[in-house]
C-alpha atoms as a PDB file:
ATOM      1  CA  MET A   1       0.271  -0.177  -0.263  1.00  0.00           C
ATOM      2  CA  TYR A   2       1.240   3.954  -0.648  1.00  0.00           C
ATOM      3  CA  GLY A   3       0.553   6.578   1.486  1.00  0.00           C
ATOM      4  CA  ARG A   4       0.304  10.940   0.709  1.00  0.00           C
ATOM      5  CA  VAL A   5       0.103  13.257   2.973  1.00  0.00           C
ATOM      6  CA  VAL A   6      -0.263  16.696   2.168  1.00  0.00           C
ATOM      7  CA  VAL A   7      -0.169  20.038   3.643  1.00  0.00           C
ATOM      8  CA  TYR A   8      -1.799  22.717   2.649  1.00  0.00           C
ATOM      9  CA  THR A   9      -1.507  26.099   4.138  1.00  0.00           C
ATOM     10  CA  HIS A  10      -5.010  28.388   3.742  1.00  0.00           C
ATOM     11  CA  ASP A  11      -6.538  31.652   4.559  1.00  0.00           C
ATOM     12  CA  GLU A  12     -10.550  30.644   3.682  1.00  0.00           C
ATOM     13  CA  ASP A  13     -12.855  30.328   6.398  1.00  0.00           C
ATOM     14  CA  LYS A  14     -12.601  26.652   7.541  1.00  0.00           C
ATOM     15  CA  GLY A  15     -15.979  25.331   7.422  1.00  0.00           C
ATOM     16  CA  GLU A  16     -16.522  26.664   4.366  1.00  0.00           C
ATOM     17  CA  LEU A  17     -13.166  25.446   2.766  1.00  0.00           C
ATOM     18  CA  GLU A  18     -14.275  21.823   4.137  1.00  0.00           C
ATOM     19  CA  ALA A  19     -17.893  21.362   3.336  1.00  0.00           C
ATOM     20  CA  LYS A  20     -16.519  22.789  -0.427  1.00  0.00           C
ATOM     21  CA  ALA A  21     -12.903  20.160  -0.276  1.00  0.00           C
ATOM     22  CA  ARG A  22     -15.718  17.549   1.891  1.00  0.00           C
ATOM     23  CA  ALA A  23     -18.519  17.649  -1.995  1.00  0.00           C
ATOM     24  CA  GLY A  24     -15.607  18.141  -4.807  1.00  0.00           C
ATOM     25  CA  VAL A  25     -12.705  16.300  -3.523  1.00  0.00           C
ATOM     26  CA  ILE A  26     -15.184  12.499  -2.305  1.00  0.00           C
ATOM     27  CA  PRO A  27     -16.189  11.939  -5.894  1.00  0.00           C
ATOM     28  CA  ILE A  28     -12.687  12.688  -7.516  1.00  0.00           C
ATOM     29  CA  VAL A  29     -10.872  10.070  -4.601  1.00  0.00           C
ATOM     30  CA  THR A  30     -13.901   7.335  -4.306  1.00  0.00           C
ATOM     31  CA  ASN A  31     -13.830   6.954  -8.378  1.00  0.00           C
ATOM     32  CA  THR A  32      -9.927   6.724  -8.368  1.00  0.00           C
ATOM     33  CA  PRO A  33      -8.410   3.336  -8.899  1.00  0.00           C
ATOM     34  CA  GLY A  34      -6.889   2.090  -5.995  1.00  0.00           C
ATOM     35  CA  TYR A  35      -8.950   3.679  -2.973  1.00  0.00           C
ATOM     36  CA  ILE A  36      -8.257   2.176   0.112  1.00  0.00           C
ATOM     37  CA  SER A  37      -8.664   5.860   2.456  1.00  0.00           C
ATOM     38  CA  TYR A  38      -9.131   9.393   2.556  1.00  0.00           C
ATOM     39  CA  GLY A  39      -9.127  11.862   5.608  1.00  0.00           C
ATOM     40  CA  VAL A  40      -8.617  14.965   6.706  1.00  0.00           C
ATOM     41  CA  MET A  41      -7.249  17.192   9.672  1.00  0.00           C
ATOM     42  CA  PHE A  42      -7.913  21.208  10.492  1.00  0.00           C
ATOM     43  CA  GLN A  43      -5.204  22.587  12.309  1.00  0.00           C
ATOM     44  CA  ASP A  44      -5.454  26.292  12.591  1.00  0.00           C
ATOM     45  CA  ASN A  45      -4.528  27.539   9.157  1.00  0.00           C
ATOM     46  CA  LEU A  46      -3.052  24.354   8.161  1.00  0.00           C
ATOM     47  CA  VAL A  47      -5.374  21.624   6.237  1.00  0.00           C
ATOM     48  CA  VAL A  48      -2.976  18.157   6.068  1.00  0.00           C
ATOM     49  CA  SER A  49      -5.113  15.433   3.722  1.00  0.00           C
ATOM     50  CA  THR A  50      -4.133  12.489   4.506  1.00  0.00           C
ATOM     51  CA  SER A  51      -4.492   8.661   1.860  1.00  0.00           C
ATOM     52  CA  ALA A  52      -4.007   5.367   1.329  1.00  0.00           C
ATOM     53  CA  TRP A  53      -4.149   3.470  -2.306  1.00  0.00           C
ATOM     54  CA  GLU A  54      -3.553   0.042  -3.818  1.00  0.00           C
ATOM     55  CA  SER A  55      -0.286   0.944  -6.169  1.00  0.00           C
ATOM     56  CA  GLU A  56       2.414   4.130  -5.957  1.00  0.00           C
ATOM     57  CA  GLU A  57       0.092   4.344 -10.097  1.00  0.00           C
ATOM     58  CA  HIS A  58      -2.803   5.152  -8.154  1.00  0.00           C
ATOM     59  CA  ALA A  59      -1.704   7.476  -5.447  1.00  0.00           C
ATOM     60  CA  LYS A  60      -0.036   9.283  -8.351  1.00  0.00           C
ATOM     61  CA  ALA A  61      -2.981   9.288 -10.417  1.00  0.00           C
ATOM     62  CA  ALA A  62      -5.030  11.309  -7.722  1.00  0.00           C
ATOM     63  CA  ASP A  63      -2.582  13.993  -6.899  1.00  0.00           C
ATOM     64  CA  GLU A  64      -2.088  14.461  -9.584  1.00  0.00           C
ATOM     65  CA  ALA A  65      -6.342  15.157 -10.335  1.00  0.00           C
ATOM     66  CA  LEU A  66      -6.891  16.404  -6.205  1.00  0.00           C
ATOM     67  CA  GLY A  67      -3.864  18.930  -7.026  1.00  0.00           C
ATOM     68  CA  GLU A  68      -5.374  20.291 -10.093  1.00  0.00           C
ATOM     69  CA  TRP A  69      -9.231  20.217  -7.767  1.00  0.00           C
ATOM     70  CA  VAL A  70      -7.729  22.360  -4.918  1.00  0.00           C
ATOM     71  CA  ARG A  71      -5.593  24.789  -7.719  1.00  0.00           C
ATOM     72  CA  SER A  72      -8.925  24.933  -8.967  1.00  0.00           C
ATOM     73  CA  ASN A  73     -10.962  25.785  -6.344  1.00  0.00           C
ATOM     74  CA  THR A  74      -9.893  27.322  -3.272  1.00  0.00           C
ATOM     75  CA  THR A  75      -6.703  28.885  -2.248  1.00  0.00           C
ATOM     76  CA  MET A  76      -4.895  26.605  -0.607  1.00  0.00           C
ATOM     77  CA  LYS A  77      -1.203  26.626  -0.742  1.00  0.00           C
ATOM     78  CA  VAL A  78       1.517  22.771  -0.232  1.00  0.00           C
ATOM     79  CA  ASP A  79       3.687  23.217   2.556  1.00  0.00           C
ATOM     80  CA  LYS A  80       4.734  19.506   2.566  1.00  0.00           C
ATOM     81  CA  ARG A  81       4.413  17.054   0.685  1.00  0.00           C
ATOM     82  CA  TYR A  82       4.744  13.735   1.397  1.00  0.00           C
ATOM     83  CA  THR A  83       4.849  10.422  -0.119  1.00  0.00           C
ATOM     84  CA  GLY A  84       5.415   6.214  -0.007  1.00  0.00           C
ATOM     85  CA  ASP A  85       4.544   3.138   0.801  1.00  0.00           C
ATOM     86  CA  PHE A  86       4.226   1.500   3.768  1.00  0.00           C
ATOM     87  CA  SER A  87       6.000  -0.290   6.426  1.00  0.00           C
ATOM     88  CA  TRP A  88       2.650  -0.876   7.530  1.00  0.00           C
ATOM     89  CA  LEU A  89      -1.161   0.202   7.444  1.00  0.00           C
ATOM     90  CA  GLU A  90      -3.690  -1.443  10.152  1.00  0.00           C
ATOM     91  CA  LEU A  91      -6.642  -0.725   8.484  1.00  0.00           C
ATOM     92  CA  ALA A  92     -10.283  -1.871  11.448  1.00  0.00           C
ATOM     93  CA  SER A  93     -12.796  -4.333  10.320  1.00  0.00           C
ATOM     94  CA  GLN A  94     -15.713  -2.791   8.523  1.00  0.00           C
ATOM     95  CA  LYS A  95     -18.895  -4.061  11.129  1.00  0.00           C
ATOM     96  CA  GLY A  96     -22.703  -4.359  10.713  1.00  0.00           C
END
């Protein structure tokens, strides 16, 4: 599995940015082949985007699509970017 973490800076209203990003980003990640998980954390003027993918190719395809969406729809700027193979990733089983 391959991980992608991007830390963005932002100066937009958190609630508006979160709503806009959720509506725009979720369809991108869930429709990109190899999708495993995606999550976002807000901390002050930072947005931390984390995702897991089946392969490096899948992560790169998602990264390109997500980057295009961010550039076209927000004022967020990349502060740091980390990508690579997970040493391990433990996922809870789905119950229900």
